Amino acid sequence: ENVYPEIFMPDYGYAFGEIKNLAFGGRYCLDAQMDTKDSNKPVILYPCHKQGGNQVFSFTEQYEIRRESMCVDFPGDKVITFGCHGAKGNQLWNYDAKTKQLLHVITQKCMTAEF
């Protein structure tokens, strides 16, 4: 009776926390700008606020960048949030520890930002 089956249990995977853009001195973070059920919202850079929420992600053992039930997805134009589907494809990312870059595995493109 005290079970909440809809609650998301994070997969801390390889890393958990903020994703900072080092080109701006680490002052800007990846921000999902969404409710946990919103889909197709662009992922943006926003000043890091250290309050968690939209700026906390997990890099899972399935190589997803995940915020609760939503994953960072690259369908070919803009990086968005989309419901995690487990089929990899647009949601498959890698992290290069040397260059400190996120690489979209399918397209071999690094995640970049515009201001």
PDB file of N, CA and C in Angstrom:
ATOM      1  N   GLU A   1       0.805  -1.197   0.000  1.00  0.00           N
ATOM      2  CA  GLU A   1       0.000   0.000   0.000  1.00  0.00           C
ATOM      3  C   GLU A   1       0.850   1.265   0.000  1.00  0.00           C
ATOM      4  N   ASN A   2       2.116   1.169   0.393  1.00  0.00           N
ATOM      5  CA  ASN A   2       2.999   2.326   0.405  1.00  0.00           C
ATOM      6  C   ASN A   2       3.964   2.316  -0.776  1.00  0.00           C
ATOM      7  N   VAL A   3       3.545   1.708  -1.864  1.00  0.00           N
ATOM      8  CA  VAL A   3       4.394   1.620  -3.045  1.00  0.00           C
ATOM      9  C   VAL A   3       3.896   2.612  -4.084  1.00  0.00           C
ATOM     10  N   TYR A   4       4.832   3.306  -4.719  1.00  0.00           N
ATOM     11  CA  TYR A   4       4.507   4.268  -5.769  1.00  0.00           C
ATOM     12  C   TYR A   4       5.140   3.760  -7.057  1.00  0.00           C
ATOM     13  N   PRO A   5       4.426   2.924  -7.831  1.00  0.00           N
ATOM     14  CA  PRO A   5       5.037   2.270  -8.995  1.00  0.00           C
ATOM     15  C   PRO A   5       5.454   3.225 -10.103  1.00  0.00           C
ATOM     16  N   GLU A   6       4.890   4.418 -10.171  1.00  0.00           N
ATOM     17  CA  GLU A   6       5.228   5.352 -11.245  1.00  0.00           C
ATOM     18  C   GLU A   6       6.505   6.135 -10.974  1.00  0.00           C
ATOM     19  N   ILE A   7       7.035   6.046  -9.762  1.00  0.00           N
ATOM     20  CA  ILE A   7       8.214   6.841  -9.441  1.00  0.00           C
ATOM     21  C   ILE A   7       9.418   6.358 -10.247  1.00  0.00           C
ATOM     22  N   PHE A   8      10.200   7.322 -10.708  1.00  0.00           N
ATOM     23  CA  PHE A   8      11.395   6.999 -11.478  1.00  0.00           C
ATOM     24  C   PHE A   8      12.546   6.708 -10.524  1.00  0.00           C
ATOM     25  N   MET A   9      13.203   5.587 -10.729  1.00  0.00           N
ATOM     26  CA  MET A   9      14.395   5.239  -9.958  1.00  0.00           C
ATOM     27  C   MET A   9      15.599   5.450 -10.872  1.00  0.00           C
ATOM     28  N   PRO A  10      16.457   6.419 -10.542  1.00  0.00           N
ATOM     29  CA  PRO A  10      17.555   6.739 -11.455  1.00  0.00           C
ATOM     30  C   PRO A  10      18.559   5.613 -11.603  1.00  0.00           C
ATOM     31  N   ASP A  11      19.063   5.503 -12.825  1.00  0.00           N
ATOM     32  CA  ASP A  11      20.180   4.621 -13.125  1.00  0.00           C
ATOM     33  C   ASP A  11      21.400   5.535 -13.122  1.00  0.00           C
ATOM     34  N   TYR A  12      22.139   5.540 -12.039  1.00  0.00           N
ATOM     35  CA  TYR A  12      23.262   6.463 -11.935  1.00  0.00           C
ATOM     36  C   TYR A  12      24.350   6.140 -12.946  1.00  0.00           C
ATOM     37  N   GLY A  13      24.399   4.901 -13.413  1.00  0.00           N
ATOM     38  CA  GLY A  13      25.308   4.527 -14.489  1.00  0.00           C
ATOM     39  C   GLY A  13      26.723   4.989 -14.262  1.00  0.00           C
ATOM     40  N   TYR A  14      27.274   5.648 -15.273  1.00  0.00           N
ATOM     41  CA  TYR A  14      28.660   6.088 -15.224  1.00  0.00           C
ATOM     42  C   TYR A  14      28.832   7.438 -14.547  1.00  0.00           C
ATOM     43  N   ALA A  15      27.843   8.305 -14.679  1.00  0.00           N
ATOM     44  CA  ALA A  15      27.963   9.649 -14.112  1.00  0.00           C
ATOM     45  C   ALA A  15      26.572  10.194 -13.818  1.00  0.00           C
ATOM     46  N   PHE A  16      26.513  11.105 -12.848  1.00  0.00           N
ATOM     47  CA  PHE A  16      25.244  11.705 -12.455  1.00  0.00           C
ATOM     48  C   PHE A  16      25.521  13.130 -12.002  1.00  0.00           C
ATOM     49  N   GLY A  17      24.752  14.084 -12.527  1.00  0.00           N
ATOM     50  CA  GLY A  17      24.903  15.473 -12.101  1.00  0.00           C
ATOM     51  C   GLY A  17      24.748  16.436 -13.256  1.00  0.00           C
ATOM     52  N   GLU A  18      25.363  17.608 -13.105  1.00  0.00           N
ATOM     53  CA  GLU A  18      25.292  18.646 -14.124  1.00  0.00           C
ATOM     54  C   GLU A  18      26.241  18.326 -15.280  1.00  0.00           C
ATOM     55  N   ILE A  19      25.860  18.795 -16.471  1.00  0.00           N
ATOM     56  CA  ILE A  19      26.741  18.721 -17.641  1.00  0.00           C
ATOM     57  C   ILE A  19      27.092  20.161 -17.986  1.00  0.00           C
ATOM     58  N   LYS A  20      28.344  20.532 -17.745  1.00  0.00           N
ATOM     59  CA  LYS A  20      28.771  21.921 -17.913  1.00  0.00           C
ATOM     60  C   LYS A  20      29.471  22.123 -19.250  1.00  0.00           C
ATOM     61  N   ASN A  21      29.280  23.323 -19.821  1.00  0.00           N
ATOM     62  CA  ASN A  21      29.991  23.713 -21.026  1.00  0.00           C
ATOM     63  C   ASN A  21      31.275  24.401 -20.591  1.00  0.00           C
ATOM     64  N   LEU A  22      32.397  23.754 -20.803  1.00  0.00           N
ATOM     65  CA  LEU A  22      33.675  24.287 -20.341  1.00  0.00           C
ATOM     66  C   LEU A  22      34.147  25.478 -21.162  1.00  0.00           C
ATOM     67  N   ALA A  23      33.608  25.652 -22.368  1.00  0.00           N
ATOM     68  CA  ALA A  23      33.998  26.785 -23.209  1.00  0.00           C
ATOM     69  C   ALA A  23      33.602  28.113 -22.567  1.00  0.00           C
ATOM     70  N   PHE A  24      32.641  28.096 -21.680  1.00  0.00           N
ATOM     71  CA  PHE A  24      32.189  29.310 -21.003  1.00  0.00           C
ATOM     72  C   PHE A  24      32.567  29.265 -19.521  1.00  0.00           C
ATOM     73  N   GLY A  25      33.697  28.651 -19.234  1.00  0.00           N
ATOM     74  CA  GLY A  25      34.198  28.602 -17.870  1.00  0.00           C
ATOM     75  C   GLY A  25      33.365  27.746 -16.932  1.00  0.00           C
ATOM     76  N   GLY A  26      32.547  26.861 -17.481  1.00  0.00           N
ATOM     77  CA  GLY A  26      31.727  25.995 -16.644  1.00  0.00           C
ATOM     78  C   GLY A  26      30.561  26.707 -15.986  1.00  0.00           C
ATOM     79  N   ARG A  27      30.239  27.904 -16.461  1.00  0.00           N
ATOM     80  CA  ARG A  27      29.129  28.670 -15.868  1.00  0.00           C
ATOM     81  C   ARG A  27      27.780  28.306 -16.471  1.00  0.00           C
ATOM     82  N   TYR A  28      27.787  27.626 -17.618  1.00  0.00           N
ATOM     83  CA  TYR A  28      26.538  27.240 -18.284  1.00  0.00           C
ATOM     84  C   TYR A  28      26.399  25.727 -18.285  1.00  0.00           C
ATOM     85  N   CYS A  29      25.179  25.281 -18.016  1.00  0.00           N
ATOM     86  CA  CYS A  29      24.891  23.849 -17.930  1.00  0.00           C
ATOM     87  C   CYS A  29      23.846  23.452 -18.965  1.00  0.00           C
ATOM     88  N   LEU A  30      23.886  22.185 -19.332  1.00  0.00           N
ATOM     89  CA  LEU A  30      22.829  21.609 -20.152  1.00  0.00           C
ATOM     90  C   LEU A  30      21.548  21.668 -19.332  1.00  0.00           C
ATOM     91  N   ASP A  31      20.474  22.139 -19.931  1.00  0.00           N
ATOM     92  CA  ASP A  31      19.204  22.305 -19.228  1.00  0.00           C
ATOM     93  C   ASP A  31      18.098  21.722 -20.095  1.00  0.00           C
ATOM     94  N   ALA A  32      17.302  20.847 -19.504  1.00  0.00           N
ATOM     95  CA  ALA A  32      16.238  20.174 -20.247  1.00  0.00           C
ATOM     96  C   ALA A  32      15.004  21.045 -20.416  1.00  0.00           C
ATOM     97  N   GLN A  33      14.906  22.158 -19.696  1.00  0.00           N
ATOM     98  CA  GLN A  33      13.773  23.095 -19.754  1.00  0.00           C
ATOM     99  C   GLN A  33      12.432  22.394 -19.929  1.00  0.00           C
ATOM    100  N   MET A  34      12.162  21.425 -19.071  1.00  0.00           N
ATOM    101  CA  MET A  34      10.960  20.614 -19.264  1.00  0.00           C
ATOM    102  C   MET A  34      10.407  20.097 -17.961  1.00  0.00           C
ATOM    103  N   ASP A  35       9.152  19.746 -18.022  1.00  0.00           N
ATOM    104  CA  ASP A  35       8.547  18.902 -17.010  1.00  0.00           C
ATOM    105  C   ASP A  35       9.027  17.492 -17.335  1.00  0.00           C
ATOM    106  N   THR A  36       9.025  16.598 -16.390  1.00  0.00           N
ATOM    107  CA  THR A  36       9.570  15.260 -16.626  1.00  0.00           C
ATOM    108  C   THR A  36       8.821  14.476 -17.686  1.00  0.00           C
ATOM    109  N   LYS A  37       7.655  14.930 -18.115  1.00  0.00           N
ATOM    110  CA  LYS A  37       6.903  14.202 -19.138  1.00  0.00           C
ATOM    111  C   LYS A  37       6.864  14.933 -20.480  1.00  0.00           C
ATOM    112  N   ASP A  38       7.502  16.112 -20.560  1.00  0.00           N
ATOM    113  CA  ASP A  38       7.527  16.861 -21.815  1.00  0.00           C
ATOM    114  C   ASP A  38       8.470  16.192 -22.803  1.00  0.00           C
ATOM    115  N   SER A  39       8.053  16.181 -24.051  1.00  0.00           N
ATOM    116  CA  SER A  39       8.854  15.568 -25.096  1.00  0.00           C
ATOM    117  C   SER A  39       9.070  16.563 -26.222  1.00  0.00           C
ATOM    118  N   ASN A  40      10.120  16.366 -26.980  1.00  0.00           N
ATOM    119  CA  ASN A  40      10.453  17.198 -28.139  1.00  0.00           C
ATOM    120  C   ASN A  40      10.826  18.626 -27.771  1.00  0.00           C
ATOM    121  N   LYS A  41      11.279  18.851 -26.558  1.00  0.00           N
ATOM    122  CA  LYS A  41      11.730  20.184 -26.158  1.00  0.00           C
ATOM    123  C   LYS A  41      13.224  20.298 -26.436  1.00  0.00           C
ATOM    124  N   PRO A  42      13.668  21.421 -27.015  1.00  0.00           N
ATOM    125  CA  PRO A  42      15.105  21.593 -27.245  1.00  0.00           C
ATOM    126  C   PRO A  42      15.874  21.603 -25.923  1.00  0.00           C
ATOM    127  N   VAL A  43      17.039  21.005 -25.933  1.00  0.00           N
ATOM    128  CA  VAL A  43      17.949  21.081 -24.799  1.00  0.00           C
ATOM    129  C   VAL A  43      18.751  22.364 -24.989  1.00  0.00           C
ATOM    130  N   ILE A  44      18.903  23.141 -23.922  1.00  0.00           N
ATOM    131  CA  ILE A  44      19.559  24.441 -24.031  1.00  0.00           C
ATOM    132  C   ILE A  44      20.715  24.540 -23.036  1.00  0.00           C
ATOM    133  N   LEU A  45      21.511  25.599 -23.180  1.00  0.00           N
ATOM    134  CA  LEU A  45      22.465  25.985 -22.146  1.00  0.00           C
ATOM    135  C   LEU A  45      21.807  27.075 -21.322  1.00  0.00           C
ATOM    136  N   TYR A  46      21.976  26.974 -20.014  1.00  0.00           N
ATOM    137  CA  TYR A  46      21.381  27.933 -19.089  1.00  0.00           C
ATOM    138  C   TYR A  46      22.380  28.110 -17.952  1.00  0.00           C
ATOM    139  N   PRO A  47      22.451  29.310 -17.363  1.00  0.00           N
ATOM    140  CA  PRO A  47      23.396  29.469 -16.256  1.00  0.00           C
ATOM    141  C   PRO A  47      23.200  28.378 -15.199  1.00  0.00           C
ATOM    142  N   CYS A  48      24.293  27.760 -14.788  1.00  0.00           N
ATOM    143  CA  CYS A  48      24.224  26.701 -13.768  1.00  0.00           C
ATOM    144  C   CYS A  48      23.663  27.301 -12.479  1.00  0.00           C
ATOM    145  N   HIS A  49      22.663  26.654 -11.913  1.00  0.00           N
ATOM    146  CA  HIS A  49      22.044  27.188 -10.691  1.00  0.00           C
ATOM    147  C   HIS A  49      22.227  26.281  -9.480  1.00  0.00           C
ATOM    148  N   LYS A  50      22.805  25.114  -9.665  1.00  0.00           N
ATOM    149  CA  LYS A  50      23.108  24.175  -8.581  1.00  0.00           C
ATOM    150  C   LYS A  50      21.881  23.795  -7.744  1.00  0.00           C
ATOM    151  N   GLN A  51      20.701  23.832  -8.368  1.00  0.00           N
ATOM    152  CA  GLN A  51      19.476  23.454  -7.672  1.00  0.00           C
ATOM    153  C   GLN A  51      18.915  22.138  -8.186  1.00  0.00           C
ATOM    154  N   GLY A  52      19.668  21.459  -9.041  1.00  0.00           N
ATOM    155  CA  GLY A  52      19.201  20.183  -9.567  1.00  0.00           C
ATOM    156  C   GLY A  52      18.163  20.384 -10.647  1.00  0.00           C
ATOM    157  N   GLY A  53      17.067  19.672 -10.530  1.00  0.00           N
ATOM    158  CA  GLY A  53      15.962  19.808 -11.481  1.00  0.00           C
ATOM    159  C   GLY A  53      16.368  19.545 -12.911  1.00  0.00           C
ATOM    160  N   ASN A  54      16.083  20.512 -13.770  1.00  0.00           N
ATOM    161  CA  ASN A  54      16.308  20.368 -15.210  1.00  0.00           C
ATOM    162  C   ASN A  54      17.775  20.246 -15.603  1.00  0.00           C
ATOM    163  N   GLN A  55      18.687  20.467 -14.663  1.00  0.00           N
ATOM    164  CA  GLN A  55      20.115  20.424 -14.985  1.00  0.00           C
ATOM    165  C   GLN A  55      20.809  19.171 -14.457  1.00  0.00           C
ATOM    166  N   VAL A  56      20.056  18.212 -13.977  1.00  0.00           N
ATOM    167  CA  VAL A  56      20.654  16.973 -13.468  1.00  0.00           C
ATOM    168  C   VAL A  56      20.347  15.834 -14.435  1.00  0.00           C
ATOM    169  N   PHE A  57      21.395  15.183 -14.887  1.00  0.00           N
ATOM    170  CA  PHE A  57      21.277  14.086 -15.844  1.00  0.00           C
ATOM    171  C   PHE A  57      22.080  12.896 -15.339  1.00  0.00           C
ATOM    172  N   SER A  58      21.752  11.732 -15.858  1.00  0.00           N
ATOM    173  CA  SER A  58      22.613  10.572 -15.626  1.00  0.00           C
ATOM    174  C   SER A  58      23.090  10.069 -16.984  1.00  0.00           C
ATOM    175  N   PHE A  59      24.355   9.687 -17.025  1.00  0.00           N
ATOM    176  CA  PHE A  59      24.920   9.048 -18.211  1.00  0.00           C
ATOM    177  C   PHE A  59      24.903   7.567 -17.891  1.00  0.00           C
ATOM    178  N   THR A  60      23.976   6.857 -18.500  1.00  0.00           N
ATOM    179  CA  THR A  60      23.665   5.489 -18.091  1.00  0.00           C
ATOM    180  C   THR A  60      24.608   4.456 -18.697  1.00  0.00           C
ATOM    181  N   GLU A  61      24.504   3.254 -18.188  1.00  0.00           N
ATOM    182  CA  GLU A  61      25.289   2.140 -18.727  1.00  0.00           C
ATOM    183  C   GLU A  61      24.844   1.772 -20.140  1.00  0.00           C
ATOM    184  N   GLN A  62      23.690   2.283 -20.570  1.00  0.00           N
ATOM    185  CA  GLN A  62      23.208   2.081 -21.939  1.00  0.00           C
ATOM    186  C   GLN A  62      23.650   3.232 -22.844  1.00  0.00           C
ATOM    187  N   TYR A  63      24.517   4.108 -22.326  1.00  0.00           N
ATOM    188  CA  TYR A  63      25.046   5.262 -23.058  1.00  0.00           C
ATOM    189  C   TYR A  63      23.954   6.259 -23.436  1.00  0.00           C
ATOM    190  N   GLU A  64      22.998   6.425 -22.545  1.00  0.00           N
ATOM    191  CA  GLU A  64      21.962   7.448 -22.689  1.00  0.00           C
ATOM    192  C   GLU A  64      22.312   8.606 -21.767  1.00  0.00           C
ATOM    193  N   ILE A  65      21.930   9.803 -22.178  1.00  0.00           N
ATOM    194  CA  ILE A  65      21.963  10.956 -21.284  1.00  0.00           C
ATOM    195  C   ILE A  65      20.513  11.138 -20.871  1.00  0.00           C
ATOM    196  N   ARG A  66      20.244  10.845 -19.620  1.00  0.00           N
ATOM    197  CA  ARG A  66      18.864  10.662 -19.187  1.00  0.00           C
ATOM    198  C   ARG A  66      18.483  11.633 -18.078  1.00  0.00           C
ATOM    199  N   ARG A  67      17.262  12.141 -18.160  1.00  0.00           N
ATOM    200  CA  ARG A  67      16.639  12.893 -17.077  1.00  0.00           C
ATOM    201  C   ARG A  67      15.295  12.231 -16.821  1.00  0.00           C
ATOM    202  N   GLU A  68      15.245  11.451 -15.778  1.00  0.00           N
ATOM    203  CA  GLU A  68      14.075  10.652 -15.420  1.00  0.00           C
ATOM    204  C   GLU A  68      13.658   9.789 -16.607  1.00  0.00           C
ATOM    205  N   SER A  69      12.432   9.949 -17.111  1.00  0.00           N
ATOM    206  CA  SER A  69      11.973   9.080 -18.205  1.00  0.00           C
ATOM    207  C   SER A  69      12.325   9.634 -19.587  1.00  0.00           C
ATOM    208  N   MET A  70      12.995  10.779 -19.624  1.00  0.00           N
ATOM    209  CA  MET A  70      13.347  11.412 -20.891  1.00  0.00           C
ATOM    210  C   MET A  70      14.843  11.283 -21.166  1.00  0.00           C
ATOM    211  N   CYS A  71      15.172  11.147 -22.446  1.00  0.00           N
ATOM    212  CA  CYS A  71      16.570  11.045 -22.865  1.00  0.00           C
ATOM    213  C   CYS A  71      16.923  12.194 -23.801  1.00  0.00           C
ATOM    214  N   VAL A  72      18.193  12.550 -23.804  1.00  0.00           N
ATOM    215  CA  VAL A  72      18.699  13.515 -24.770  1.00  0.00           C
ATOM    216  C   VAL A  72      18.791  12.780 -26.104  1.00  0.00           C
ATOM    217  N   ASP A  73      18.162  13.357 -27.118  1.00  0.00           N
ATOM    218  CA  ASP A  73      17.951  12.700 -28.406  1.00  0.00           C
ATOM    219  C   ASP A  73      18.407  13.658 -29.511  1.00  0.00           C
ATOM    220  N   PHE A  74      19.031  13.131 -30.547  1.00  0.00           N
ATOM    221  CA  PHE A  74      19.425  13.958 -31.687  1.00  0.00           C
ATOM    222  C   PHE A  74      18.833  13.371 -32.959  1.00  0.00           C
ATOM    223  N   PRO A  75      17.643  13.884 -33.369  1.00  0.00           N
ATOM    224  CA  PRO A  75      17.003  13.366 -34.575  1.00  0.00           C
ATOM    225  C   PRO A  75      17.583  13.933 -35.873  1.00  0.00           C
ATOM    226  N   GLY A  76      18.571  14.834 -35.771  1.00  0.00           N
ATOM    227  CA  GLY A  76      19.222  15.326 -36.978  1.00  0.00           C
ATOM    228  C   GLY A  76      19.278  16.821 -37.108  1.00  0.00           C
ATOM    229  N   ASP A  77      18.477  17.556 -36.350  1.00  0.00           N
ATOM    230  CA  ASP A  77      18.478  19.007 -36.444  1.00  0.00           C
ATOM    231  C   ASP A  77      18.955  19.618 -35.129  1.00  0.00           C
ATOM    232  N   LYS A  78      18.128  19.494 -34.100  1.00  0.00           N
ATOM    233  CA  LYS A  78      18.460  20.033 -32.783  1.00  0.00           C
ATOM    234  C   LYS A  78      18.453  18.921 -31.754  1.00  0.00           C
ATOM    235  N   VAL A  79      19.238  19.119 -30.711  1.00  0.00           N
ATOM    236  CA  VAL A  79      19.245  18.183 -29.591  1.00  0.00           C
ATOM    237  C   VAL A  79      17.996  18.465 -28.760  1.00  0.00           C
ATOM    238  N   ILE A  80      17.222  17.415 -28.508  1.00  0.00           N
ATOM    239  CA  ILE A  80      15.943  17.547 -27.815  1.00  0.00           C
ATOM    240  C   ILE A  80      15.847  16.512 -26.691  1.00  0.00           C
ATOM    241  N   THR A  81      14.775  16.637 -25.913  1.00  0.00           N
ATOM    242  CA  THR A  81      14.422  15.566 -24.983  1.00  0.00           C
ATOM    243  C   THR A  81      13.329  14.736 -25.636  1.00  0.00           C
ATOM    244  N   PHE A  82      13.404  13.440 -25.423  1.00  0.00           N
ATOM    245  CA  PHE A  82      12.425  12.525 -26.005  1.00  0.00           C
ATOM    246  C   PHE A  82      12.330  11.328 -25.071  1.00  0.00           C
ATOM    247  N   GLY A  83      11.181  10.732 -24.989  1.00  0.00           N
ATOM    248  CA  GLY A  83      11.000   9.574 -24.119  1.00  0.00           C
ATOM    249  C   GLY A  83      12.041   8.502 -24.396  1.00  0.00           C
ATOM    250  N   CYS A  84      12.693   8.026 -23.346  1.00  0.00           N
ATOM    251  CA  CYS A  84      13.712   6.978 -23.512  1.00  0.00           C
ATOM    252  C   CYS A  84      13.057   5.723 -24.068  1.00  0.00           C
ATOM    253  N   HIS A  85      13.641   5.170 -25.131  1.00  0.00           N
ATOM    254  CA  HIS A  85      13.033   4.001 -25.770  1.00  0.00           C
ATOM    255  C   HIS A  85      13.924   2.765 -25.735  1.00  0.00           C
ATOM    256  N   GLY A  86      15.191   2.925 -25.361  1.00  0.00           N
ATOM    257  CA  GLY A  86      16.080   1.773 -25.235  1.00  0.00           C
ATOM    258  C   GLY A  86      16.590   1.202 -26.544  1.00  0.00           C
ATOM    259  N   ALA A  87      16.227   1.816 -27.676  1.00  0.00           N
ATOM    260  CA  ALA A  87      16.647   1.302 -28.978  1.00  0.00           C
ATOM    261  C   ALA A  87      17.953   1.937 -29.457  1.00  0.00           C
ATOM    262  N   LYS A  88      18.574   2.718 -28.589  1.00  0.00           N
ATOM    263  CA  LYS A  88      19.828   3.410 -28.873  1.00  0.00           C
ATOM    264  C   LYS A  88      19.614   4.434 -29.982  1.00  0.00           C
ATOM    265  N   GLY A  89      20.152   4.251 -31.174  1.00  0.00           N
ATOM    266  CA  GLY A  89      19.934   5.178 -32.285  1.00  0.00           C
ATOM    267  C   GLY A  89      20.193   6.620 -31.908  1.00  0.00           C
ATOM    268  N   ASN A  90      19.161   7.463 -32.027  1.00  0.00           N
ATOM    269  CA  ASN A  90      19.275   8.897 -31.763  1.00  0.00           C
ATOM    270  C   ASN A  90      19.644   9.214 -30.321  1.00  0.00           C
ATOM    271  N   GLN A  91      19.502   8.237 -29.419  1.00  0.00           N
ATOM    272  CA  GLN A  91      19.749   8.484 -27.997  1.00  0.00           C
ATOM    273  C   GLN A  91      21.070   7.883 -27.510  1.00  0.00           C
ATOM    274  N   LEU A  92      21.928   7.495 -28.428  1.00  0.00           N
ATOM    275  CA  LEU A  92      23.194   6.850 -28.075  1.00  0.00           C
ATOM    276  C   LEU A  92      24.328   7.874 -28.081  1.00  0.00           C
ATOM    277  N   TRP A  93      24.952   8.068 -26.927  1.00  0.00           N
ATOM    278  CA  TRP A  93      26.004   9.062 -26.759  1.00  0.00           C
ATOM    279  C   TRP A  93      27.251   8.414 -26.177  1.00  0.00           C
ATOM    280  N   ASN A  94      28.381   9.067 -26.401  1.00  0.00           N
ATOM    281  CA  ASN A  94      29.623   8.633 -25.783  1.00  0.00           C
ATOM    282  C   ASN A  94      30.307   9.864 -25.212  1.00  0.00           C
ATOM    283  N   TYR A  95      31.118   9.653 -24.198  1.00  0.00           N
ATOM    284  CA  TYR A  95      31.870  10.747 -23.589  1.00  0.00           C
ATOM    285  C   TYR A  95      33.350  10.493 -23.799  1.00  0.00           C
ATOM    286  N   ASP A  96      34.029  11.471 -24.383  1.00  0.00           N
ATOM    287  CA  ASP A  96      35.466  11.380 -24.594  1.00  0.00           C
ATOM    288  C   ASP A  96      36.153  12.092 -23.428  1.00  0.00           C
ATOM    289  N   ALA A  97      36.756  11.334 -22.544  1.00  0.00           N
ATOM    290  CA  ALA A  97      37.374  11.900 -21.344  1.00  0.00           C
ATOM    291  C   ALA A  97      38.569  12.798 -21.676  1.00  0.00           C
ATOM    292  N   LYS A  98      39.253  12.537 -22.786  1.00  0.00           N
ATOM    293  CA  LYS A  98      40.401  13.364 -23.177  1.00  0.00           C
ATOM    294  C   LYS A  98      39.951  14.758 -23.594  1.00  0.00           C
ATOM    295  N   THR A  99      38.974  14.804 -24.498  1.00  0.00           N
ATOM    296  CA  THR A  99      38.520  16.094 -25.024  1.00  0.00           C
ATOM    297  C   THR A  99      37.384  16.691 -24.199  1.00  0.00           C
ATOM    298  N   LYS A 100      36.814  15.905 -23.306  1.00  0.00           N
ATOM    299  CA  LYS A 100      35.674  16.303 -22.472  1.00  0.00           C
ATOM    300  C   LYS A 100      34.477  16.697 -23.334  1.00  0.00           C
ATOM    301  N   GLN A 101      34.253  15.933 -24.392  1.00  0.00           N
ATOM    302  CA  GLN A 101      33.148  16.197 -25.304  1.00  0.00           C
ATOM    303  C   GLN A 101      32.163  15.042 -25.299  1.00  0.00           C
ATOM    304  N   LEU A 102      30.890  15.398 -25.527  1.00  0.00           N
ATOM    305  CA  LEU A 102      29.843  14.400 -25.726  1.00  0.00           C
ATOM    306  C   LEU A 102      29.703  14.165 -27.218  1.00  0.00           C
ATOM    307  N   LEU A 103      29.759  12.911 -27.617  1.00  0.00           N
ATOM    308  CA  LEU A 103      29.712  12.542 -29.025  1.00  0.00           C
ATOM    309  C   LEU A 103      28.455  11.731 -29.304  1.00  0.00           C
ATOM    310  N   HIS A 104      27.682  12.172 -30.289  1.00  0.00           N
ATOM    311  CA  HIS A 104      26.523  11.404 -30.736  1.00  0.00           C
ATOM    312  C   HIS A 104      27.061  10.263 -31.592  1.00  0.00           C
ATOM    313  N   VAL A 105      26.862   9.044 -31.141  1.00  0.00           N
ATOM    314  CA  VAL A 105      27.527   7.883 -31.744  1.00  0.00           C
ATOM    315  C   VAL A 105      27.127   7.673 -33.203  1.00  0.00           C
ATOM    316  N   ILE A 106      25.860   7.778 -33.526  1.00  0.00           N
ATOM    317  CA  ILE A 106      25.384   7.499 -34.887  1.00  0.00           C
ATOM    318  C   ILE A 106      25.950   8.489 -35.905  1.00  0.00           C
ATOM    319  N   THR A 107      25.913   9.791 -35.576  1.00  0.00           N
ATOM    320  CA  THR A 107      26.366  10.813 -36.527  1.00  0.00           C
ATOM    321  C   THR A 107      27.839  11.166 -36.370  1.00  0.00           C
ATOM    322  N   GLN A 108      28.453  10.748 -35.243  1.00  0.00           N
ATOM    323  CA  GLN A 108      29.836  11.106 -34.918  1.00  0.00           C
ATOM    324  C   GLN A 108      30.018  12.619 -34.778  1.00  0.00           C
ATOM    325  N   LYS A 109      28.956  13.314 -34.368  1.00  0.00           N
ATOM    326  CA  LYS A 109      29.020  14.758 -34.139  1.00  0.00           C
ATOM    327  C   LYS A 109      29.102  15.032 -32.647  1.00  0.00           C
ATOM    328  N   CYS A 110      29.887  16.052 -32.306  1.00  0.00           N
ATOM    329  CA  CYS A 110      29.971  16.480 -30.912  1.00  0.00           C
ATOM    330  C   CYS A 110      28.800  17.401 -30.601  1.00  0.00           C
ATOM    331  N   MET A 111      28.348  17.352 -29.355  1.00  0.00           N
ATOM    332  CA  MET A 111      27.290  18.262 -28.941  1.00  0.00           C
ATOM    333  C   MET A 111      27.890  19.664 -28.847  1.00  0.00           C
ATOM    334  N   THR A 112      27.258  20.618 -29.519  1.00  0.00           N
ATOM    335  CA  THR A 112      27.722  22.003 -29.506  1.00  0.00           C
ATOM    336  C   THR A 112      26.583  22.902 -29.049  1.00  0.00           C
ATOM    337  N   ALA A 113      26.909  24.170 -28.823  1.00  0.00           N
ATOM    338  CA  ALA A 113      25.901  25.126 -28.359  1.00  0.00           C
ATOM    339  C   ALA A 113      26.030  26.424 -29.129  1.00  0.00           C
ATOM    340  N   GLU A 114      24.912  27.097 -29.283  1.00  0.00           N
ATOM    341  CA  GLU A 114      24.878  28.416 -29.913  1.00  0.00           C
ATOM    342  C   GLU A 114      24.318  29.414 -28.918  1.00  0.00           C
ATOM    343  N   PHE A 115      24.788  30.648 -29.010  1.00  0.00           N
ATOM    344  CA  PHE A 115      24.216  31.738 -28.211  1.00  0.00           C
ATOM    345  C   PHE A 115      23.672  32.786 -29.123  1.00  0.00           C
TER     346      PHE A 115
END
